Amino acid sequence: MEDMFAKFGVELTGLRKQIVLLLEENKRLSIENQQLRKILRKENGTAETPAAPDPDVAAAQAPETAERPGAEPQDAAGQVGEGYDNLARLYHEGFHICNVYYGHLRTEGDCLFCLSFFNK
C-alpha cells in the first residue's frame, strides 16, 4: 500500500511539472498570438484598439519611456542599447528578466527584481 502511495506521489509530481510547462507554453502562445494580431491590424490599417489595456504592457512600457536617473546621456539618435531593448521586450512579453527568475513566466504581475533592472 505504501509503495502504491509512493508511486502515486511520483506520478503526481510529474503531472504537476507537466502542467506548469503547459501553462507556461499556453501563456507564451497567447502573448505571441496577441502580438501577431496587433501586427496584422497595423498591416491592414485598421485602427481598432483593445477595450482594456493590459496592465503588464503598461508596466513594461513605463520604464522604457521614463528617464533613468544617473544614466548616461543618449546619443543624437536617442537610442538605448539593443540588449536593453531586448530585455524590455522579454519583460513586455511576460517573462522575468531578473537574475532570480530569468526566463520564467511572470504569473503574478510585476516583479520588483525585474523592475529594479529598468531603474539601473
Protein backbone atom coordinates (compact mmCIF):
# COMPACT_ATOMS: atom_id res chain seq x y z
CA MET A 1 0.00 0.00 0.00
CA GLU A 2 2.83 2.40 0.89
CA ASP A 3 4.57 1.56 -2.38
CA MET A 4 1.44 2.47 -4.28
CA PHE A 5 1.24 5.83 -2.47
CA ALA A 6 4.90 6.48 -3.27
CA LYS A 7 4.29 5.70 -6.95
CA PHE A 8 1.23 7.95 -7.00
CA GLY A 9 3.28 10.71 -5.35
CA VAL A 10 5.97 10.46 -8.00
CA GLU A 11 3.35 10.39 -10.75
CA LEU A 12 1.57 13.40 -9.23
CA THR A 13 4.84 15.35 -9.08
CA GLY A 14 5.49 14.58 -12.74
CA LEU A 15 1.98 15.67 -13.70
CA ARG A 16 2.37 18.93 -11.77
CA LYS A 17 5.60 19.71 -13.61
CA GLN A 18 3.92 18.92 -16.91
CA ILE A 19 1.00 21.21 -16.04
CA VAL A 20 3.37 24.06 -15.24
CA LEU A 21 5.15 23.59 -18.57
CA LEU A 22 1.85 23.51 -20.43
CA LEU A 23 0.61 26.65 -18.66
CA GLU A 24 3.83 28.49 -19.49
CA GLU A 25 3.58 27.42 -23.13
CA ASN A 26 -0.09 28.45 -23.24
CA LYS A 27 0.74 31.89 -21.85
CA ARG A 28 3.64 32.32 -24.26
CA LEU A 29 1.47 31.33 -27.22
CA SER A 30 -1.34 33.64 -26.07
CA ILE A 31 1.08 36.54 -25.89
CA GLU A 32 2.52 35.66 -29.30
CA ASN A 33 -1.00 35.45 -30.73
CA GLN A 34 -1.83 38.86 -29.28
CA GLN A 35 1.33 40.36 -30.79
CA LEU A 36 0.61 38.83 -34.19
CA ARG A 37 -2.94 40.19 -34.12
CA LYS A 38 -1.57 43.63 -33.33
CA ILE A 39 0.84 43.41 -36.28
CA LEU A 40 -1.96 42.18 -38.54
CA ARG A 41 -4.15 45.12 -37.50
CA LYS A 42 -1.32 47.54 -38.31
CA GLU A 43 -0.75 45.96 -41.73
CA ASN A 44 -4.45 46.01 -42.57
CA GLY A 45 -4.69 49.64 -41.50
CA THR A 46 -7.49 49.15 -39.02
CA ALA A 47 -7.49 51.48 -36.05
CA GLU A 48 -9.05 49.04 -33.60
CA THR A 49 -7.73 49.21 -30.08
CA PRO A 50 -8.22 46.70 -27.30
CA ALA A 51 -11.04 47.57 -24.90
CA ALA A 52 -8.91 47.43 -21.76
CA PRO A 53 -5.15 47.94 -21.77
CA ASP A 54 -3.12 45.10 -20.34
CA PRO A 55 -1.55 46.18 -17.00
CA ASP A 56 1.63 44.22 -17.79
CA VAL A 57 2.01 46.15 -21.04
CA ALA A 58 1.66 49.48 -19.24
CA ALA A 59 4.15 48.44 -16.57
CA ALA A 60 6.66 47.25 -19.15
CA GLN A 61 6.35 50.40 -21.25
CA ALA A 62 6.63 52.81 -18.32
CA PRO A 63 10.27 52.01 -17.51
CA GLU A 64 11.20 52.29 -21.18
CA THR A 65 9.81 55.80 -21.51
CA ALA A 66 10.82 57.10 -18.10
CA GLU A 67 14.15 58.82 -17.66
CA ARG A 68 16.66 56.70 -15.89
CA PRO A 69 18.36 58.62 -13.04
CA GLY A 70 22.12 58.60 -13.27
CA ALA A 71 22.06 57.23 -16.80
CA GLU A 72 24.48 58.39 -19.44
CA PRO A 73 23.04 60.90 -21.92
CA GLN A 74 21.79 59.17 -25.04
CA ASP A 75 23.39 59.79 -28.40
CA ALA A 76 21.87 62.06 -31.06
CA ALA A 77 19.68 59.25 -32.39
CA GLY A 78 18.22 58.75 -28.89
CA GLN A 79 18.78 55.00 -28.95
CA VAL A 80 19.11 52.79 -25.93
CA GLY A 81 21.28 49.70 -26.22
CA GLU A 82 19.93 46.78 -28.21
CA GLY A 83 20.31 44.46 -25.22
CA TYR A 84 18.20 46.77 -23.07
CA ASP A 85 15.52 46.80 -25.76
CA ASN A 86 15.54 43.00 -25.98
CA LEU A 87 15.17 42.65 -22.22
CA ALA A 88 12.34 45.21 -22.19
CA ARG A 89 10.63 43.24 -24.96
CA LEU A 90 11.00 39.98 -22.99
CA TYR A 91 9.54 41.62 -19.90
CA HIS A 92 6.72 43.04 -22.00
CA GLU A 93 6.00 39.52 -23.30
CA GLY A 94 5.55 38.29 -19.73
CA PHE A 95 8.93 36.78 -18.84
CA HIS A 96 11.27 37.54 -15.96
CA ILE A 97 14.49 39.38 -16.81
CA CYS A 98 15.89 39.46 -13.28
CA ASN A 99 18.76 37.25 -12.19
CA VAL A 100 16.47 35.47 -9.71
CA TYR A 101 13.88 34.06 -12.14
CA TYR A 102 15.35 34.86 -15.57
CA GLY A 103 13.34 33.32 -18.40
CA HIS A 104 10.46 32.06 -16.25
CA LEU A 105 6.94 33.20 -16.99
CA ARG A 106 5.64 36.03 -14.76
CA THR A 107 2.40 34.67 -13.33
CA GLU A 108 1.76 37.14 -10.50
CA GLY A 109 2.02 40.50 -12.25
CA ASP A 110 5.07 42.73 -11.96
CA CYS A 111 8.33 41.55 -10.42
CA LEU A 112 10.18 44.06 -8.26
CA PHE A 113 13.53 42.50 -9.17
CA CYS A 114 12.80 42.93 -12.88
CA LEU A 115 11.54 46.48 -12.42
CA SER A 116 14.67 47.39 -10.45
CA PHE A 117 16.68 46.47 -13.55
CA PHE A 118 14.95 49.25 -15.50
CA ASN A 119 15.95 51.79 -12.84
CA LYS A 120 19.67 50.99 -13.14
